[in-house]
Amino acid sequence: MTTLDLVPGLITTREEVAQAYGGSRYSGGIVPAKDSGKVFVYSDPSVGEKHGYTFDGHAEDDEFGTLFLYTGAGPEGDQQMVRGNKTLMDTLTDGRDVHLFVADGKAAPGKKLVKQRYVGQVMLDPNLPYVVRRAPDKHEEMRDVYVFRFRPATGAVLRFEPKDAVPPATKSGVEDLPIEWPALVVEDVKGKKTEQHKTSETIANVKGGPRTVLRREGQLVTAFEKFLIAAGHEFKSFQITVEGEPGPLVPDLYDITANVLYEAKGLTTRANIRMAVGQLLDYRRHLKKEVPCGLRIAVLLPSEPTPDVREWLESEEIALVVQNGVGFTGFPAL
């Protein structure tokens, strides 16, 4: 094998990477290289744009820092957690390094060979490694896709260019969205995969040492899902695409049976509840044609807020549902 130093900003080709580290040089966006213990991810947002979805790219930083989104493998039908997608998920526990490249134009005019720009070493976010989104396949049929969420690997610095940002949506629309909270441990609930949380924290073994990951919001929503199932309620979510804005809006949970839209927060602070209220009001604007008249909006919390916050929510006619042991106080939201 030849030598190739992976320095952020490096311009290379898949063939050169394969010569240096192994793995496929021709096909697949998720390329394992067994001999070198690495996984290479090649992102090309132009491929997704051809099919009408624009999830991939450097997303707006959140409270946990830098975030890069990458749509999983599978050109038609619902994507499955197999082959390349499973390879990526396995990196959370098998110790393999993940290296991210983005397409950077043709290597030569009139040639198919694409230049690859090295962004840096990344890792899946152990708290939320992927989300499920709706996108058309190559036959223009809507299907579920995995959108993986990358963070910088421990000690790594990623190098982005402005053109790497998630592109804005070209049209507005609303799609029904299945609810799936990904986790390292899952169980089957009436045929639906969802997250199993036994504690409010999970230790994910990732390169650089164990990392404690708070999963309070996922734990709360999963418990509420089970509660709704036991109550005979059906639920889902929505993918709200807004023309000119990058990335869709996604409410936490819509109770179909009771016509209630929920936004969950893992911390019962005024700042978090303010955020939930703002999100709910924004979602409601876009869902007027998607749900029956009389939609209620509700905040879902793991514990009671202060009396003043409760009074504020009541004054705005926003329901409050609070976890209480194995049940939920405030349900049904009236």
Protein backbone atom coordinates (compact mmCIF):
# COMPACT_ATOMS: atom_id res chain seq x y z
CA MET A 1 0.00 0.00 0.00
CA THR A 2 1.06 3.56 -0.66
CA THR A 3 1.25 6.30 1.97
CA LEU A 4 -1.45 8.95 2.26
CA ASP A 5 -1.55 11.34 5.20
CA LEU A 6 -5.13 12.15 6.13
CA VAL A 7 -4.94 15.87 6.86
CA PRO A 8 -8.19 17.90 6.87
CA GLY A 9 -8.43 19.80 3.60
CA LEU A 10 -6.54 17.15 1.63
CA ILE A 11 -7.80 16.75 -1.96
CA THR A 12 -7.58 13.17 -3.16
CA THR A 13 -9.59 10.43 -4.88
CA ARG A 14 -11.26 7.24 -3.71
CA GLU A 15 -8.66 5.27 -5.63
CA GLU A 16 -5.78 6.89 -3.75
CA VAL A 17 -7.52 6.27 -0.42
CA ALA A 18 -8.08 2.62 -1.33
CA GLN A 19 -4.46 2.20 -2.39
CA ALA A 20 -3.30 3.54 0.96
CA TYR A 21 -5.82 1.99 3.34
CA GLY A 22 -7.89 -0.61 1.49
CA GLY A 23 -11.61 -0.73 0.81
CA SER A 24 -13.62 -0.23 -2.35
CA ARG A 25 -12.40 2.41 -4.77
CA TYR A 26 -15.49 2.47 -6.95
CA SER A 27 -18.85 2.11 -5.23
CA GLY A 28 -20.69 2.75 -1.98
CA GLY A 29 -20.72 5.82 0.20
CA ILE A 30 -19.84 3.80 3.33
CA VAL A 31 -16.60 1.92 2.73
CA PRO A 32 -15.05 -0.35 5.37
CA ALA A 33 -11.31 -0.98 5.13
CA LYS A 34 -10.75 -4.05 7.29
CA ASP A 35 -6.97 -4.22 7.04
CA SER A 36 -6.51 -0.67 8.35
CA GLY A 37 -9.39 -0.75 10.82
CA LYS A 38 -11.09 2.28 9.28
CA VAL A 39 -14.43 3.17 7.74
CA PHE A 40 -14.52 5.83 5.01
CA VAL A 41 -17.67 7.87 4.40
CA TYR A 42 -18.03 9.69 1.09
CA SER A 43 -20.69 12.39 1.09
CA ASP A 44 -22.04 13.83 -2.16
CA PRO A 45 -25.13 16.00 -1.55
CA SER A 46 -25.70 16.35 -5.30
CA VAL A 47 -26.77 12.69 -5.38
CA GLY A 48 -29.56 13.34 -2.89
CA GLU A 49 -30.65 16.50 -4.66
CA LYS A 50 -31.28 14.46 -7.83
CA HIS A 51 -33.90 12.51 -5.87
CA GLY A 52 -35.42 15.56 -4.19
CA TYR A 53 -33.98 15.45 -0.67
CA THR A 54 -31.37 17.71 0.91
CA PHE A 55 -30.42 16.27 4.29
CA ASP A 56 -26.65 15.91 3.84
CA GLY A 57 -24.07 18.44 4.93
CA HIS A 58 -22.69 20.54 7.75
CA ALA A 59 -25.75 21.34 9.88
CA GLU A 60 -26.17 24.26 12.23
CA ASP A 61 -24.19 23.63 15.40
CA ASP A 62 -26.29 22.71 18.43
CA GLU A 63 -25.66 22.65 22.17
CA PHE A 64 -23.27 19.72 21.70
CA GLY A 65 -21.20 21.43 19.02
CA THR A 66 -20.37 20.55 15.42
CA LEU A 67 -22.82 18.35 13.53
CA PHE A 68 -22.61 16.76 10.06
CA LEU A 69 -25.55 14.85 8.56
CA TYR A 70 -25.23 11.94 6.15
CA THR A 71 -28.02 9.94 4.50
CA GLY A 72 -27.53 6.18 4.75
CA ALA A 73 -27.27 3.52 2.05
CA GLY A 74 -30.17 2.07 0.07
CA PRO A 75 -31.45 3.61 -3.20
CA GLU A 76 -34.99 2.21 -3.10
CA GLY A 77 -37.52 1.14 -0.50
CA ASP A 78 -37.18 1.77 3.22
CA GLN A 79 -33.53 1.73 4.24
CA GLN A 80 -32.52 -1.13 6.53
CA MET A 81 -29.87 -1.36 9.24
CA VAL A 82 -27.76 -3.78 7.18
CA ARG A 83 -24.51 -3.69 5.23
CA GLY A 84 -23.06 -0.15 5.14
CA ASN A 85 -25.62 1.28 7.55
CA LYS A 86 -24.87 -1.46 10.08
CA THR A 87 -21.16 -0.94 9.51
CA LEU A 88 -21.56 2.67 10.60
CA MET A 89 -23.65 1.79 13.66
CA ASP A 90 -21.12 -0.85 14.69
CA THR A 91 -18.37 1.79 14.89
CA LEU A 92 -19.99 2.98 18.11
CA THR A 93 -18.74 -0.18 19.79
CA ASP A 94 -16.08 -1.86 17.61
CA GLY A 95 -13.43 0.88 17.86
CA ARG A 96 -12.98 1.50 14.13
CA ASP A 97 -12.10 5.05 13.05
CA VAL A 98 -14.53 6.85 10.76
CA HIS A 99 -13.15 9.31 8.20
CA LEU A 100 -15.34 11.76 6.31
CA PHE A 101 -14.86 13.01 2.75
CA VAL A 102 -17.06 15.30 0.67
CA ALA A 103 -17.22 15.38 -3.13
CA ASP A 104 -15.30 18.37 -4.48
CA GLY A 105 -15.88 18.43 -8.23
CA LYS A 106 -14.57 16.41 -11.14
CA ALA A 107 -10.93 15.36 -11.16
CA ALA A 108 -10.73 16.41 -14.83
CA PRO A 109 -13.19 17.97 -17.32
CA GLY A 110 -15.37 15.36 -18.98
CA LYS A 111 -14.24 12.61 -16.60
CA LYS A 112 -16.37 10.66 -14.12
CA LEU A 113 -13.62 10.59 -11.49
CA VAL A 114 -14.64 12.82 -8.56
CA LYS A 115 -12.22 14.66 -6.30
CA GLN A 116 -12.67 13.96 -2.60
CA ARG A 117 -11.90 16.55 0.07
CA TYR A 118 -11.00 15.14 3.47
CA VAL A 119 -13.02 16.78 6.26
CA GLY A 120 -11.57 14.87 9.19
CA GLN A 121 -12.13 12.02 11.61
CA VAL A 122 -15.68 11.78 12.92
CA MET A 123 -17.81 9.59 15.16
CA LEU A 124 -21.52 8.93 15.39
CA ASP A 125 -23.24 10.93 18.09
CA PRO A 126 -23.73 8.28 20.82
CA ASN A 127 -26.71 10.19 22.18
CA LEU A 128 -28.58 10.17 18.85
CA PRO A 129 -26.61 8.35 16.13
CA TYR A 130 -29.28 8.75 13.48
CA VAL A 131 -32.79 9.99 12.82
CA VAL A 132 -35.38 8.58 10.43
CA ARG A 133 -36.58 10.88 7.67
CA ARG A 134 -38.85 10.56 4.63
CA ALA A 135 -37.37 10.92 1.14
CA PRO A 136 -38.13 9.79 -2.40
CA ASP A 137 -36.20 6.85 -3.82
CA LYS A 138 -34.92 6.49 -7.38
CA HIS A 139 -38.47 5.62 -8.48
CA GLU A 140 -39.87 8.76 -6.77
CA GLU A 141 -41.61 6.60 -4.15
CA MET A 142 -41.50 8.00 -0.60
CA ARG A 143 -39.62 5.82 1.86
CA ASP A 144 -37.83 5.92 5.25
CA VAL A 145 -34.13 6.78 5.23
CA TYR A 146 -31.51 6.93 7.95
CA VAL A 147 -29.83 10.29 8.43
CA PHE A 148 -26.67 9.66 10.44
CA ARG A 149 -25.39 12.35 12.81
CA PHE A 150 -21.61 12.81 12.95
CA ARG A 151 -19.61 14.67 15.57
CA PRO A 152 -15.83 15.33 15.55
CA ALA A 153 -13.92 12.34 16.93
CA THR A 154 -12.18 12.87 20.26
CA GLY A 155 -9.39 15.41 19.70
CA ALA A 156 -10.22 15.89 16.01
CA VAL A 157 -10.81 19.21 14.26
CA LEU A 158 -13.00 19.14 11.17
CA ARG A 159 -12.38 21.45 8.24
CA PHE A 160 -15.49 22.66 6.40
CA GLU A 161 -16.08 25.07 3.56
CA PRO A 162 -19.22 27.23 3.19
CA LYS A 163 -20.47 24.99 0.36
CA ASP A 164 -20.57 22.02 2.77
CA ALA A 165 -23.62 23.43 4.60
CA VAL A 166 -26.91 21.55 4.38
CA PRO A 167 -28.64 23.08 1.33
CA PRO A 168 -32.03 24.78 1.74
CA ALA A 169 -35.18 22.88 0.81
CA THR A 170 -36.52 23.66 -2.66
CA LYS A 171 -40.18 23.30 -1.67
CA SER A 172 -42.42 23.09 1.38
CA GLY A 173 -44.41 20.07 2.44
CA VAL A 174 -45.48 17.76 5.27
CA GLU A 175 -44.91 14.00 5.42
CA ASP A 176 -46.10 11.49 8.01
CA LEU A 177 -43.08 10.24 9.91
CA PRO A 178 -42.64 7.04 11.93
CA ILE A 179 -41.21 7.58 15.39
CA GLU A 180 -37.95 5.81 16.06
CA TRP A 181 -35.55 6.65 18.85
CA PRO A 182 -32.30 4.87 17.89
CA ALA A 183 -30.22 3.26 20.58
CA LEU A 184 -27.51 0.69 21.11
CA VAL A 185 -30.13 -1.51 22.77
CA VAL A 186 -33.58 -1.86 21.25
CA GLU A 187 -36.63 -3.93 21.94
CA ASP A 188 -39.71 -4.71 19.90
CA VAL A 189 -42.95 -3.08 21.03
CA LYS A 190 -45.88 -4.48 19.03
CA GLY A 191 -43.70 -4.80 15.96
CA LYS A 192 -42.22 -1.32 16.32
CA LYS A 193 -38.58 -0.79 17.19
CA THR A 194 -38.06 1.70 19.95
CA GLU A 195 -35.56 2.52 22.64
CA GLN A 196 -35.16 0.62 25.91
CA HIS A 197 -33.81 2.78 28.74
CA LYS A 198 -33.25 1.34 32.19
CA THR A 199 -31.41 4.41 33.50
CA SER A 200 -31.22 8.08 32.59
CA GLU A 201 -27.64 7.62 31.42
CA THR A 202 -25.98 5.26 28.97
CA ILE A 203 -22.28 4.51 28.62
CA ALA A 204 -21.27 4.23 24.97
CA ASN A 205 -17.84 2.70 24.35
CA VAL A 206 -16.34 4.94 21.70
CA LYS A 207 -12.77 5.69 20.67
CA GLY A 208 -11.17 7.93 23.26
CA GLY A 209 -12.81 6.19 26.19
CA PRO A 210 -16.30 5.63 27.57
CA ARG A 211 -18.59 8.61 27.24
CA THR A 212 -21.55 9.17 29.51
CA VAL A 213 -24.53 10.08 27.38
CA LEU A 214 -27.66 11.62 28.85
CA ARG A 215 -30.78 10.22 27.21
CA ARG A 216 -33.45 11.82 29.32
CA GLU A 217 -35.62 13.02 26.47
CA GLY A 218 -35.45 9.69 24.63
CA GLN A 219 -36.20 7.84 27.85
CA LEU A 220 -39.21 10.07 28.47
CA VAL A 221 -40.67 9.71 24.96
CA THR A 222 -40.15 5.94 24.95
CA ALA A 223 -41.96 5.58 28.28
CA PHE A 224 -44.79 7.75 26.97
CA GLU A 225 -45.04 5.69 23.77
CA LYS A 226 -45.55 2.54 25.87
CA PHE A 227 -48.11 4.38 27.98
CA LEU A 228 -50.03 5.42 24.84
CA ILE A 229 -49.95 1.87 23.46
CA ALA A 230 -51.35 0.52 26.75
CA ALA A 231 -54.08 3.18 26.55
CA GLY A 232 -54.98 2.03 23.03
CA HIS A 233 -53.73 5.19 21.35
CA GLU A 234 -52.00 5.44 17.97
CA PHE A 235 -49.18 7.92 17.39
CA LYS A 236 -46.70 9.18 14.82
CA SER A 237 -44.79 12.36 13.97
CA PHE A 238 -44.39 14.67 10.98
CA GLN A 239 -41.58 15.84 8.76
CA ILE A 240 -42.22 19.51 8.00
CA THR A 241 -40.13 20.84 5.12
CA VAL A 242 -39.96 24.61 4.70
CA GLU A 243 -38.84 26.04 1.38
CA GLY A 244 -35.59 27.98 1.68
CA GLU A 245 -34.61 26.46 5.04
CA PRO A 246 -32.08 23.66 5.64
CA GLY A 247 -33.35 20.56 7.39
CA PRO A 248 -36.96 19.68 8.25
CA LEU A 249 -38.90 20.48 11.41
CA VAL A 250 -39.86 17.33 13.34
CA PRO A 251 -42.23 17.34 16.36
CA ASP A 252 -41.57 14.73 19.04
CA LEU A 253 -44.94 12.96 18.96
CA TYR A 254 -48.48 13.33 17.65
CA ASP A 255 -51.21 11.36 19.45
CA ILE A 256 -53.53 10.48 16.56
CA THR A 257 -56.27 9.14 18.82
CA ALA A 258 -56.54 12.27 21.00
CA ASN A 259 -55.41 14.84 18.39
CA VAL A 260 -52.63 16.16 20.64
CA LEU A 261 -49.17 17.31 19.53
CA TYR A 262 -46.43 16.82 22.14
CA GLU A 263 -42.99 18.32 22.54
CA ALA A 264 -40.83 16.59 25.15
CA LYS A 265 -37.99 18.06 27.15
CA GLY A 266 -35.58 16.07 29.28
CA LEU A 267 -35.01 18.92 31.72
CA THR A 268 -37.77 20.77 33.59
CA THR A 269 -36.31 24.26 33.38
CA ARG A 270 -38.04 27.44 32.28
CA ALA A 271 -35.63 27.78 29.34
CA ASN A 272 -36.41 24.26 28.10
CA ILE A 273 -40.16 24.74 28.50
CA ARG A 274 -40.00 28.07 26.66
CA MET A 275 -38.24 26.28 23.83
CA ALA A 276 -40.91 23.57 23.78
CA VAL A 277 -43.69 26.15 23.60
CA GLY A 278 -42.02 27.99 20.74
CA GLN A 279 -41.54 24.75 18.84
CA LEU A 280 -45.17 23.71 19.33
CA LEU A 281 -46.51 27.05 18.09
CA ASP A 282 -44.27 26.83 15.04
CA TYR A 283 -45.30 23.24 14.26
CA ARG A 284 -48.99 24.03 14.68
CA ARG A 285 -48.85 26.68 11.95
CA HIS A 286 -47.72 24.08 9.42
CA LEU A 287 -50.09 21.27 10.44
CA LYS A 288 -53.48 22.94 10.00
CA LYS A 289 -54.21 20.87 6.87
CA GLU A 290 -52.70 17.66 8.24
CA VAL A 291 -54.69 17.14 11.45
CA PRO A 292 -58.36 17.46 12.44
CA CYS A 293 -59.70 20.73 13.80
CA GLY A 294 -59.23 21.26 17.53
CA LEU A 295 -55.56 20.22 17.74
CA ARG A 296 -54.23 20.50 21.30
CA ILE A 297 -50.58 21.19 22.00
CA ALA A 298 -48.85 19.81 25.09
CA VAL A 299 -45.47 19.86 26.81
CA LEU A 300 -44.19 16.50 28.05
CA LEU A 301 -41.82 16.63 31.06
CA PRO A 302 -40.06 14.13 33.35
CA SER A 303 -41.03 16.05 36.53
CA GLU A 304 -43.19 18.93 37.73
CA PRO A 305 -42.17 22.48 36.75
CA THR A 306 -42.52 25.42 39.12
CA PRO A 307 -46.03 26.70 39.97
CA ASP A 308 -45.41 29.84 37.95
CA VAL A 309 -44.57 27.83 34.82
CA ARG A 310 -47.70 25.71 35.32
CA GLU A 311 -49.77 28.90 35.61
CA TRP A 312 -48.18 30.31 32.44
CA LEU A 313 -48.95 27.16 30.42
CA GLU A 314 -52.54 27.13 31.68
CA SER A 315 -52.99 30.77 30.71
CA GLU A 316 -51.82 29.98 27.17
CA GLU A 317 -54.07 26.87 27.01
CA ILE A 318 -51.06 24.59 26.57
CA ALA A 319 -51.48 21.19 28.20
CA LEU A 320 -48.87 19.77 30.55
CA VAL A 321 -48.20 16.04 30.94
CA VAL A 322 -45.67 14.96 33.56
CA GLN A 323 -44.15 11.54 34.20
CA ASN A 324 -45.22 10.12 37.53
CA GLY A 325 -43.62 6.77 38.26
CA VAL A 326 -44.85 4.40 35.54
CA GLY A 327 -47.73 6.71 34.63
CA PHE A 328 -48.28 10.28 33.49
CA THR A 329 -50.13 13.06 35.30
CA GLY A 330 -52.19 15.33 33.07
CA PHE A 331 -53.14 12.60 30.60
CA PRO A 332 -55.39 12.70 28.73
CA ALA A 333 -54.62 16.29 27.77
CA LEU A 334 -57.95 18.16 28.04
